[in-house]
Amino acid sequence: MEHDIELLWLPLDRVATLTDKSIKTVRRLAEDGNYVVLKRTVPSGKTHTTKSFVMADQELTDLEKAYCRIHRMRPIAMHRELMTIAATTHTSLFVIGYTKNKEENHAG
């Protein structure tokens, strides 16, 4: 992940996967104030769709990094977005999908 990013936003379904909870449970947790959620319009094939994103805390960020490392995946991110929260501007990154890292050939 990039080092100058202050806020990382993961798709709601990704948070469900990382926390081993259903999407409905993650939505319920967000409604109860356990997660900060924003909706953004993102590219989807030849069109666009609206997705819900959860602001990742340190625990979710660590789970995301570990999951990507284990499954040899790399996040595909939207453009950066500057967000003002409580009069402070933060650099944010919204992850919209993942790509598999190419297998490295190891001489044996």
C-alpha atoms as a PDB file:
ATOM      1  CA  MET A   1       0.000   0.000   0.000  1.00  0.00           C
ATOM      2  CA  GLU A   2       1.155   3.506  -0.610  1.00  0.00           C
ATOM      3  CA  HIS A   3       2.880   5.289   2.257  1.00  0.00           C
ATOM      4  CA  ASP A   4       1.306   8.754   1.960  1.00  0.00           C
ATOM      5  CA  ILE A   5      -2.256   7.436   2.233  1.00  0.00           C
ATOM      6  CA  GLU A   6      -3.893   8.416   5.505  1.00  0.00           C
ATOM      7  CA  LEU A   7      -7.290   6.748   5.023  1.00  0.00           C
ATOM      8  CA  LEU A   8      -7.814   3.412   3.318  1.00  0.00           C
ATOM      9  CA  TRP A   9     -11.339   2.501   2.180  1.00  0.00           C
ATOM     10  CA  LEU A  10     -12.168  -1.141   1.460  1.00  0.00           C
ATOM     11  CA  PRO A  11     -15.271  -2.476  -0.291  1.00  0.00           C
ATOM     12  CA  LEU A  12     -17.918  -3.629   2.154  1.00  0.00           C
ATOM     13  CA  ASP A  13     -17.858  -7.160   0.748  1.00  0.00           C
ATOM     14  CA  ARG A  14     -14.084  -7.273   1.232  1.00  0.00           C
ATOM     15  CA  VAL A  15     -14.478  -6.324   4.913  1.00  0.00           C
ATOM     16  CA  ALA A  16     -16.990  -9.170   5.246  1.00  0.00           C
ATOM     17  CA  THR A  17     -14.413 -11.581   3.816  1.00  0.00           C
ATOM     18  CA  LEU A  18     -11.581 -10.275   5.998  1.00  0.00           C
ATOM     19  CA  THR A  19     -13.621 -10.425   9.202  1.00  0.00           C
ATOM     20  CA  ASP A  20     -15.359 -13.711   8.342  1.00  0.00           C
ATOM     21  CA  LYS A  21     -18.784 -12.075   8.673  1.00  0.00           C
ATOM     22  CA  SER A  22     -21.714 -11.880   6.284  1.00  0.00           C
ATOM     23  CA  ILE A  23     -22.279  -8.730   4.242  1.00  0.00           C
ATOM     24  CA  LYS A  24     -25.543  -8.213   6.159  1.00  0.00           C
ATOM     25  CA  THR A  25     -23.653  -8.325   9.464  1.00  0.00           C
ATOM     26  CA  VAL A  26     -21.070  -5.803   8.265  1.00  0.00           C
ATOM     27  CA  ARG A  27     -23.894  -3.507   7.087  1.00  0.00           C
ATOM     28  CA  ARG A  28     -25.572  -3.883  10.489  1.00  0.00           C
ATOM     29  CA  LEU A  29     -22.305  -3.096  12.268  1.00  0.00           C
ATOM     30  CA  ALA A  30     -21.942   0.016  10.110  1.00  0.00           C
ATOM     31  CA  GLU A  31     -25.509   1.096  10.898  1.00  0.00           C
ATOM     32  CA  ASP A  32     -24.706   0.651  14.603  1.00  0.00           C
ATOM     33  CA  GLY A  33     -21.687   2.959  14.235  1.00  0.00           C
ATOM     34  CA  ASN A  34     -18.951   0.328  14.367  1.00  0.00           C
ATOM     35  CA  TYR A  35     -17.699   1.220  10.864  1.00  0.00           C
ATOM     36  CA  VAL A  36     -17.581   4.445   8.879  1.00  0.00           C
ATOM     37  CA  VAL A  37     -19.089   3.795   5.433  1.00  0.00           C
ATOM     38  CA  LEU A  38     -19.187   5.945   2.290  1.00  0.00           C
ATOM     39  CA  LYS A  39     -20.723   5.251  -1.107  1.00  0.00           C
ATOM     40  CA  ARG A  40     -18.807   5.962  -4.274  1.00  0.00           C
ATOM     41  CA  THR A  41     -19.529   5.418  -7.973  1.00  0.00           C
ATOM     42  CA  VAL A  42     -16.843   3.201  -9.484  1.00  0.00           C
ATOM     43  CA  PRO A  43     -16.152   1.754 -12.938  1.00  0.00           C
ATOM     44  CA  SER A  44     -17.707  -1.637 -13.627  1.00  0.00           C
ATOM     45  CA  GLY A  45     -16.937  -2.963 -17.077  1.00  0.00           C
ATOM     46  CA  LYS A  46     -18.349  -0.508 -19.621  1.00  0.00           C
ATOM     47  CA  THR A  47     -20.584   1.162 -17.044  1.00  0.00           C
ATOM     48  CA  HIS A  48     -20.445   2.409 -13.456  1.00  0.00           C
ATOM     49  CA  THR A  49     -21.919   1.154 -10.200  1.00  0.00           C
ATOM     50  CA  THR A  50     -22.289   2.501  -6.679  1.00  0.00           C
ATOM     51  CA  LYS A  51     -20.385   0.592  -3.988  1.00  0.00           C
ATOM     52  CA  SER A  52     -20.152   0.962  -0.227  1.00  0.00           C
ATOM     53  CA  PHE A  53     -16.677   1.394   1.251  1.00  0.00           C
ATOM     54  CA  VAL A  54     -15.594   0.937   4.861  1.00  0.00           C
ATOM     55  CA  MET A  55     -12.858   3.100   6.364  1.00  0.00           C
ATOM     56  CA  ALA A  56     -10.164   0.622   7.409  1.00  0.00           C
ATOM     57  CA  ASP A  57      -8.723   0.862  10.896  1.00  0.00           C
ATOM     58  CA  GLN A  58      -5.312  -0.644  11.703  1.00  0.00           C
ATOM     59  CA  GLU A  59      -6.782  -4.106  12.306  1.00  0.00           C
ATOM     60  CA  LEU A  60      -8.560  -4.163   8.915  1.00  0.00           C
ATOM     61  CA  THR A  61      -5.449  -2.781   7.203  1.00  0.00           C
ATOM     62  CA  ASP A  62      -3.314  -5.543   8.726  1.00  0.00           C
ATOM     63  CA  LEU A  63      -5.881  -8.197   7.729  1.00  0.00           C
ATOM     64  CA  GLU A  64      -5.937  -6.775   4.188  1.00  0.00           C
ATOM     65  CA  LYS A  65      -2.152  -6.848   3.853  1.00  0.00           C
ATOM     66  CA  ALA A  66      -1.940 -10.405   5.174  1.00  0.00           C
ATOM     67  CA  TYR A  67      -4.780 -11.631   2.921  1.00  0.00           C
ATOM     68  CA  CYS A  68      -3.168 -10.068  -0.157  1.00  0.00           C
ATOM     69  CA  ARG A  69       0.217 -11.555   0.709  1.00  0.00           C
ATOM     70  CA  ILE A  70      -1.185 -15.072   1.329  1.00  0.00           C
ATOM     71  CA  HIS A  71      -3.338 -15.053  -1.820  1.00  0.00           C
ATOM     72  CA  ARG A  72      -0.728 -13.237  -3.935  1.00  0.00           C
ATOM     73  CA  MET A  73      -3.094 -10.414  -4.743  1.00  0.00           C
ATOM     74  CA  ARG A  74      -2.546  -6.726  -5.303  1.00  0.00           C
ATOM     75  CA  PRO A  75      -5.198  -4.033  -4.782  1.00  0.00           C
ATOM     76  CA  ILE A  76      -6.380  -1.955  -7.731  1.00  0.00           C
ATOM     77  CA  ALA A  77      -7.167   1.494  -6.397  1.00  0.00           C
ATOM     78  CA  MET A  78      -9.301   4.383  -7.545  1.00  0.00           C
ATOM     79  CA  HIS A  79      -7.729   7.774  -7.782  1.00  0.00           C
ATOM     80  CA  ARG A  80      -6.741   9.430  -4.569  1.00  0.00           C
ATOM     81  CA  GLU A  81      -9.263  11.649  -2.933  1.00  0.00           C
ATOM     82  CA  LEU A  82      -8.702  14.464  -0.472  1.00  0.00           C
ATOM     83  CA  MET A  83     -11.291  14.332   2.291  1.00  0.00           C
ATOM     84  CA  THR A  84     -11.912  16.903   4.971  1.00  0.00           C
ATOM     85  CA  ILE A  85     -12.958  15.450   8.301  1.00  0.00           C
ATOM     86  CA  ALA A  86     -13.318  17.754  11.316  1.00  0.00           C
ATOM     87  CA  ALA A  87     -11.442  20.561   9.516  1.00  0.00           C
ATOM     88  CA  THR A  88      -8.476  18.281   8.720  1.00  0.00           C
ATOM     89  CA  THR A  89      -7.712  17.167   5.163  1.00  0.00           C
ATOM     90  CA  HIS A  90      -6.701  13.534   4.652  1.00  0.00           C
ATOM     91  CA  THR A  91      -5.406  11.692   1.583  1.00  0.00           C
ATOM     92  CA  SER A  92      -7.720   8.735   0.974  1.00  0.00           C
ATOM     93  CA  LEU A  93      -7.518   5.711  -1.274  1.00  0.00           C
ATOM     94  CA  PHE A  94     -10.505   3.584  -2.310  1.00  0.00           C
ATOM     95  CA  VAL A  95      -9.720  -0.028  -3.283  1.00  0.00           C
ATOM     96  CA  ILE A  96     -12.079  -1.134  -6.051  1.00  0.00           C
ATOM     97  CA  GLY A  97     -10.692  -4.540  -6.938  1.00  0.00           C
ATOM     98  CA  TYR A  98      -7.746  -6.896  -6.928  1.00  0.00           C
ATOM     99  CA  THR A  99      -5.402  -8.524  -9.387  1.00  0.00           C
ATOM    100  CA  LYS A 100      -3.342 -11.666  -8.929  1.00  0.00           C
ATOM    101  CA  ASN A 101       0.427 -11.199  -8.764  1.00  0.00           C
ATOM    102  CA  LYS A 102       2.195 -13.160 -11.471  1.00  0.00           C
ATOM    103  CA  GLU A 103       3.955 -16.239 -10.171  1.00  0.00           C
ATOM    104  CA  GLU A 104       7.695 -15.830 -10.046  1.00  0.00           C
ATOM    105  CA  ASN A 105       9.735 -18.598 -11.591  1.00  0.00           C
ATOM    106  CA  HIS A 106      12.117 -20.089  -9.058  1.00  0.00           C
ATOM    107  CA  ALA A 107      15.085 -22.117 -10.184  1.00  0.00           C
ATOM    108  CA  GLY A 108      15.162 -25.370  -8.265  1.00  0.00           C
END
